[in-house]
Amino acid sequence: MFRKQEKTLPLGEFEVLVMTSVLAAGQEAYGANIHEEIETLVSGSREVSLGSVYTTLDRLEQKGYLRSWTGESTPERGGRAKRYYEVQASGQRALRAALEPMRRAWNIVEAAR
């Protein structure tokens, strides 16, 4: 029996950063922590707004690459709950596909040293 090949939608540079940051944040992958992880990845080379992070998280969830859920409300947040994110298997495949050309490019750069 043949399995239907699912179509992988390409990722933009910022989507790659957001998905990588969701993975890096692990079980604490919610908006503010994901934003901090992105800030670490870009290390001051560009400004990243929290709004752009949330917009991208929504888009990646619509593509089926992320899943989100609402956690418990906390008194520290005035009774508001955090929205957590995790990368789905399809997101892992898309991320690998997006990063593979960069890995090959890096190997060439290293070999040219």
Protein backbone atom coordinates (compact mmCIF):
# COMPACT_ATOMS: atom_id res chain seq x y z
CA MET A 1 0.00 0.00 0.00
CA PHE A 2 1.32 3.45 -0.92
CA ARG A 3 1.21 6.30 1.52
CA LYS A 4 0.20 9.64 0.08
CA GLN A 5 3.10 12.08 0.19
CA GLU A 6 2.01 15.13 2.17
CA LYS A 7 2.94 18.48 0.74
CA THR A 8 5.45 20.45 2.77
CA LEU A 9 4.84 24.19 2.64
CA PRO A 10 8.13 26.11 2.52
CA LEU A 11 9.29 28.08 5.54
CA GLY A 12 10.56 31.63 5.50
CA GLU A 13 13.60 32.70 7.51
CA PHE A 14 11.56 34.09 10.40
CA GLU A 15 9.38 30.96 10.48
CA VAL A 16 12.56 28.89 10.81
CA LEU A 17 13.66 31.06 13.74
CA VAL A 18 10.26 30.75 15.43
CA MET A 19 10.08 26.97 15.02
CA THR A 20 13.66 26.56 16.22
CA SER A 21 12.82 28.70 19.25
CA VAL A 22 9.74 26.61 20.04
CA LEU A 23 11.99 23.54 20.05
CA ALA A 24 14.61 25.31 22.19
CA ALA A 25 12.02 26.45 24.74
CA GLY A 26 10.76 22.88 25.17
CA GLN A 27 7.96 22.51 27.71
CA GLU A 28 8.09 26.24 28.42
CA ALA A 29 7.32 27.20 24.82
CA TYR A 30 4.93 30.13 25.22
CA GLY A 31 5.03 33.58 23.63
CA ALA A 32 7.46 35.43 25.88
CA ASN A 33 9.91 32.52 26.14
CA ILE A 34 9.79 31.90 22.40
CA HIS A 35 10.51 35.61 21.87
CA GLU A 36 13.51 35.39 24.22
CA GLU A 37 14.85 32.35 22.36
CA ILE A 38 14.57 34.23 19.05
CA GLU A 39 16.37 37.22 20.55
CA THR A 40 19.17 34.84 21.59
CA LEU A 41 19.34 33.31 18.11
CA VAL A 42 19.58 36.67 16.31
CA SER A 43 21.82 38.10 19.07
CA GLY A 44 21.02 41.74 18.43
CA SER A 45 21.38 41.59 14.65
CA ARG A 46 17.73 42.57 14.22
CA GLU A 47 14.73 43.80 16.19
CA VAL A 48 12.02 41.22 16.84
CA SER A 49 8.62 42.34 18.06
CA LEU A 50 6.47 40.12 20.22
CA GLY A 51 3.57 40.80 17.85
CA SER A 52 5.50 39.36 14.89
CA VAL A 53 6.21 36.26 16.95
CA TYR A 54 2.50 35.72 17.71
CA THR A 55 1.52 36.37 14.08
CA THR A 56 4.06 33.79 12.92
CA LEU A 57 3.00 31.27 15.57
CA ASP A 58 -0.60 31.57 14.32
CA ARG A 59 0.49 31.13 10.70
CA LEU A 60 2.60 28.06 11.54
CA GLU A 61 -0.31 26.55 13.44
CA GLN A 62 -2.59 27.15 10.43
CA LYS A 63 -0.03 25.36 8.23
CA GLY A 64 -0.25 22.40 10.64
CA TYR A 65 3.38 22.71 11.77
CA LEU A 66 2.60 23.71 15.37
CA ARG A 67 -0.01 22.74 17.91
CA SER A 68 -1.07 25.04 20.73
CA TRP A 69 -3.07 24.73 23.91
CA THR A 70 -3.98 26.93 26.82
CA GLY A 71 -2.36 26.27 30.19
CA GLU A 72 -3.72 27.03 33.62
CA SER A 73 -4.37 30.61 34.62
CA THR A 74 -1.86 32.04 37.07
CA PRO A 75 -2.15 34.81 39.66
CA GLU A 76 1.19 36.26 38.41
CA ARG A 77 -0.48 36.96 35.08
CA GLY A 78 -3.60 38.47 36.59
CA GLY A 79 -5.54 35.24 36.13
CA ARG A 80 -4.67 34.94 32.45
CA ALA A 81 -3.49 31.63 31.04
CA LYS A 82 -0.42 31.07 28.87
CA ARG A 83 -0.73 29.61 25.38
CA TYR A 84 1.83 26.86 24.85
CA TYR A 85 3.19 25.56 21.55
CA GLU A 86 4.87 22.42 20.27
CA VAL A 87 6.28 21.45 16.90
CA GLN A 88 4.35 18.69 15.13
CA ALA A 89 5.97 15.94 13.02
CA SER A 90 5.04 17.83 9.84
CA GLY A 91 6.75 20.91 11.29
CA GLN A 92 9.91 18.92 12.03
CA ARG A 93 9.97 17.72 8.41
CA ALA A 94 9.43 21.26 7.09
CA LEU A 95 12.15 22.61 9.37
CA ARG A 96 14.63 19.95 8.25
CA ALA A 97 13.80 20.68 4.61
CA ALA A 98 14.33 24.42 5.16
CA LEU A 99 17.64 23.94 6.98
CA GLU A 100 19.18 21.28 4.71
CA PRO A 101 20.44 23.75 2.05
CA MET A 102 22.01 25.85 4.83
CA ARG A 103 23.72 22.75 6.26
CA ARG A 104 25.16 21.94 2.83
CA ALA A 105 26.28 25.56 2.40
CA TRP A 106 27.94 25.50 5.82
CA ASN A 107 29.82 22.33 4.89
CA ILE A 108 31.19 24.11 1.82
CA VAL A 109 32.24 27.13 3.91
CA GLU A 110 33.99 24.85 6.41
CA ALA A 111 35.73 22.89 3.66
CA ALA A 112 37.02 26.14 2.12
CA ARG A 113 38.86 27.14 5.29
